[in-house]
Amino acid sequence: MPKLLPFRIHFEDPEVAPLDLEANDAEAARELAASHRGVPTGAIRKVKIIREKVDG
């Protein structure tokens, strides 16, 4: 079973809030975000992995 990674998806339209979700890879995250928001994948501006902040 592949490990799921946390992603934050940013959309071209500033009125569409960023979406956090977990997926296997960036392409899967892009497709999931598009289907969740009901937009084409071209409406996605940026897909980023959410990295944990480490104090130290």
N, C-alpha and C. Protein backbone atom coordinates (compact mmCIF):
# COMPACT_ATOMS: atom_id res chain seq x y z
N MET A 1 0.84 -1.18 0.00
CA MET A 1 0.00 0.00 0.00
C MET A 1 0.89 1.25 0.00
N PRO A 2 0.78 2.10 -1.01
CA PRO A 2 1.63 3.28 -1.08
C PRO A 2 1.31 4.26 0.05
N LYS A 3 2.36 4.94 0.49
CA LYS A 3 2.19 5.93 1.55
C LYS A 3 1.54 7.19 0.98
N LEU A 4 0.56 7.73 1.70
CA LEU A 4 -0.09 8.97 1.28
C LEU A 4 0.70 10.16 1.81
N LEU A 5 0.83 11.17 0.97
CA LEU A 5 1.55 12.38 1.34
C LEU A 5 0.57 13.55 1.45
N PRO A 6 0.83 14.49 2.36
CA PRO A 6 -0.05 15.66 2.49
C PRO A 6 0.30 16.72 1.43
N PHE A 7 -0.71 17.20 0.72
CA PHE A 7 -0.53 18.22 -0.30
C PHE A 7 -1.44 19.40 -0.04
N ARG A 8 -0.99 20.58 -0.46
CA ARG A 8 -1.84 21.78 -0.46
C ARG A 8 -1.96 22.22 -1.91
N ILE A 9 -3.20 22.37 -2.37
CA ILE A 9 -3.49 22.72 -3.75
C ILE A 9 -3.96 24.18 -3.80
N HIS A 10 -3.32 24.97 -4.66
CA HIS A 10 -3.69 26.37 -4.85
C HIS A 10 -4.31 26.51 -6.24
N PHE A 11 -5.37 27.31 -6.32
CA PHE A 11 -6.12 27.47 -7.57
C PHE A 11 -5.84 28.84 -8.19
N GLU A 12 -6.04 28.95 -9.50
CA GLU A 12 -5.85 30.21 -10.23
C GLU A 12 -6.79 31.30 -9.71
N ASP A 13 -8.03 30.94 -9.44
CA ASP A 13 -9.04 31.89 -8.95
C ASP A 13 -8.78 32.17 -7.47
N PRO A 14 -8.46 33.41 -7.08
CA PRO A 14 -8.18 33.71 -5.68
C PRO A 14 -9.38 33.52 -4.75
N GLU A 15 -10.58 33.45 -5.33
CA GLU A 15 -11.77 33.24 -4.50
C GLU A 15 -11.97 31.77 -4.14
N VAL A 16 -11.23 30.87 -4.79
CA VAL A 16 -11.29 29.45 -4.46
C VAL A 16 -10.19 29.18 -3.44
N ALA A 17 -10.59 28.80 -2.25
CA ALA A 17 -9.64 28.58 -1.17
C ALA A 17 -8.73 27.39 -1.46
N PRO A 18 -7.46 27.46 -0.99
CA PRO A 18 -6.57 26.31 -1.13
C PRO A 18 -7.17 25.08 -0.45
N LEU A 19 -6.80 23.93 -0.93
CA LEU A 19 -7.35 22.67 -0.43
C LEU A 19 -6.21 21.79 0.05
N ASP A 20 -6.33 21.26 1.27
CA ASP A 20 -5.36 20.30 1.79
C ASP A 20 -5.95 18.90 1.65
N LEU A 21 -5.14 17.98 1.12
CA LEU A 21 -5.59 16.60 1.00
C LEU A 21 -4.40 15.68 0.97
N GLU A 22 -4.65 14.36 1.05
CA GLU A 22 -3.59 13.37 1.00
C GLU A 22 -3.74 12.55 -0.26
N ALA A 23 -2.60 12.29 -0.91
CA ALA A 23 -2.60 11.51 -2.15
C ALA A 23 -1.25 10.81 -2.30
N ASN A 24 -1.18 9.87 -3.25
CA ASN A 24 0.04 9.13 -3.50
C ASN A 24 1.13 9.99 -4.12
N ASP A 25 0.74 10.91 -5.02
CA ASP A 25 1.71 11.77 -5.70
C ASP A 25 1.02 13.06 -6.14
N ALA A 26 1.80 13.97 -6.72
CA ALA A 26 1.27 15.28 -7.09
C ALA A 26 0.19 15.19 -8.15
N GLU A 27 0.33 14.30 -9.11
CA GLU A 27 -0.68 14.18 -10.17
C GLU A 27 -2.00 13.68 -9.59
N ALA A 28 -1.94 12.71 -8.69
CA ALA A 28 -3.16 12.22 -8.05
C ALA A 28 -3.80 13.32 -7.20
N ALA A 29 -2.97 14.13 -6.53
CA ALA A 29 -3.48 15.23 -5.72
C ALA A 29 -4.18 16.25 -6.61
N ARG A 30 -3.60 16.54 -7.77
CA ARG A 30 -4.18 17.49 -8.72
C ARG A 30 -5.56 17.01 -9.19
N GLU A 31 -5.66 15.73 -9.53
CA GLU A 31 -6.93 15.18 -10.01
C GLU A 31 -7.98 15.16 -8.91
N LEU A 32 -7.58 14.80 -7.69
CA LEU A 32 -8.52 14.80 -6.56
C LEU A 32 -9.03 16.20 -6.27
N ALA A 33 -8.13 17.16 -6.25
CA ALA A 33 -8.52 18.54 -5.95
C ALA A 33 -9.48 19.07 -7.00
N ALA A 34 -9.21 18.79 -8.25
CA ALA A 34 -10.09 19.25 -9.32
C ALA A 34 -11.49 18.66 -9.16
N SER A 35 -11.56 17.38 -8.83
CA SER A 35 -12.88 16.76 -8.68
C SER A 35 -13.60 17.27 -7.42
N HIS A 36 -12.85 17.53 -6.34
CA HIS A 36 -13.46 18.05 -5.11
C HIS A 36 -14.04 19.45 -5.31
N ARG A 37 -13.32 20.28 -6.05
CA ARG A 37 -13.76 21.66 -6.26
C ARG A 37 -14.62 21.83 -7.51
N GLY A 38 -14.72 20.79 -8.33
CA GLY A 38 -15.54 20.87 -9.53
C GLY A 38 -14.97 21.80 -10.59
N VAL A 39 -13.63 21.80 -10.71
CA VAL A 39 -12.95 22.64 -11.70
C VAL A 39 -12.06 21.75 -12.57
N PRO A 40 -11.67 22.23 -13.76
CA PRO A 40 -10.72 21.47 -14.56
C PRO A 40 -9.33 21.50 -13.93
N THR A 41 -8.50 20.53 -14.24
CA THR A 41 -7.16 20.50 -13.66
C THR A 41 -6.34 21.72 -14.07
N GLY A 42 -6.67 22.34 -15.19
CA GLY A 42 -5.98 23.54 -15.63
C GLY A 42 -6.23 24.74 -14.73
N ALA A 43 -7.24 24.67 -13.87
CA ALA A 43 -7.55 25.77 -12.95
C ALA A 43 -6.67 25.72 -11.70
N ILE A 44 -5.81 24.72 -11.62
CA ILE A 44 -4.92 24.57 -10.47
C ILE A 44 -3.61 25.27 -10.78
N ARG A 45 -3.21 26.17 -9.90
CA ARG A 45 -2.00 26.95 -10.10
C ARG A 45 -0.77 26.26 -9.54
N LYS A 46 -0.92 25.62 -8.35
CA LYS A 46 0.25 25.07 -7.68
C LYS A 46 -0.14 23.89 -6.82
N VAL A 47 0.71 22.84 -6.79
CA VAL A 47 0.55 21.67 -5.94
C VAL A 47 1.82 21.56 -5.11
N LYS A 48 1.68 21.65 -3.78
CA LYS A 48 2.86 21.61 -2.92
C LYS A 48 2.71 20.53 -1.86
N ILE A 49 3.81 19.87 -1.53
CA ILE A 49 3.82 18.94 -0.40
C ILE A 49 3.91 19.77 0.87
N ILE A 50 3.09 19.45 1.84
CA ILE A 50 3.11 20.13 3.13
C ILE A 50 4.20 19.46 3.97
N ARG A 51 5.17 20.25 4.35
CA ARG A 51 6.27 19.73 5.16
C ARG A 51 6.08 20.15 6.61
N GLU A 52 6.38 19.23 7.51
CA GLU A 52 6.25 19.53 8.93
C GLU A 52 7.35 20.49 9.36
N LYS A 53 7.01 21.42 10.23
CA LYS A 53 8.00 22.32 10.79
C LYS A 53 8.62 21.62 12.00
N VAL A 54 9.93 21.61 12.08
CA VAL A 54 10.63 20.96 13.19
C VAL A 54 11.29 22.04 14.03
N ASP A 55 10.93 22.06 15.32
CA ASP A 55 11.56 23.03 16.24
C ASP A 55 12.93 22.48 16.65
N GLY A 56 13.91 23.36 16.69
CA GLY A 56 15.17 22.82 17.14
C GLY A 56 16.29 23.67 16.80
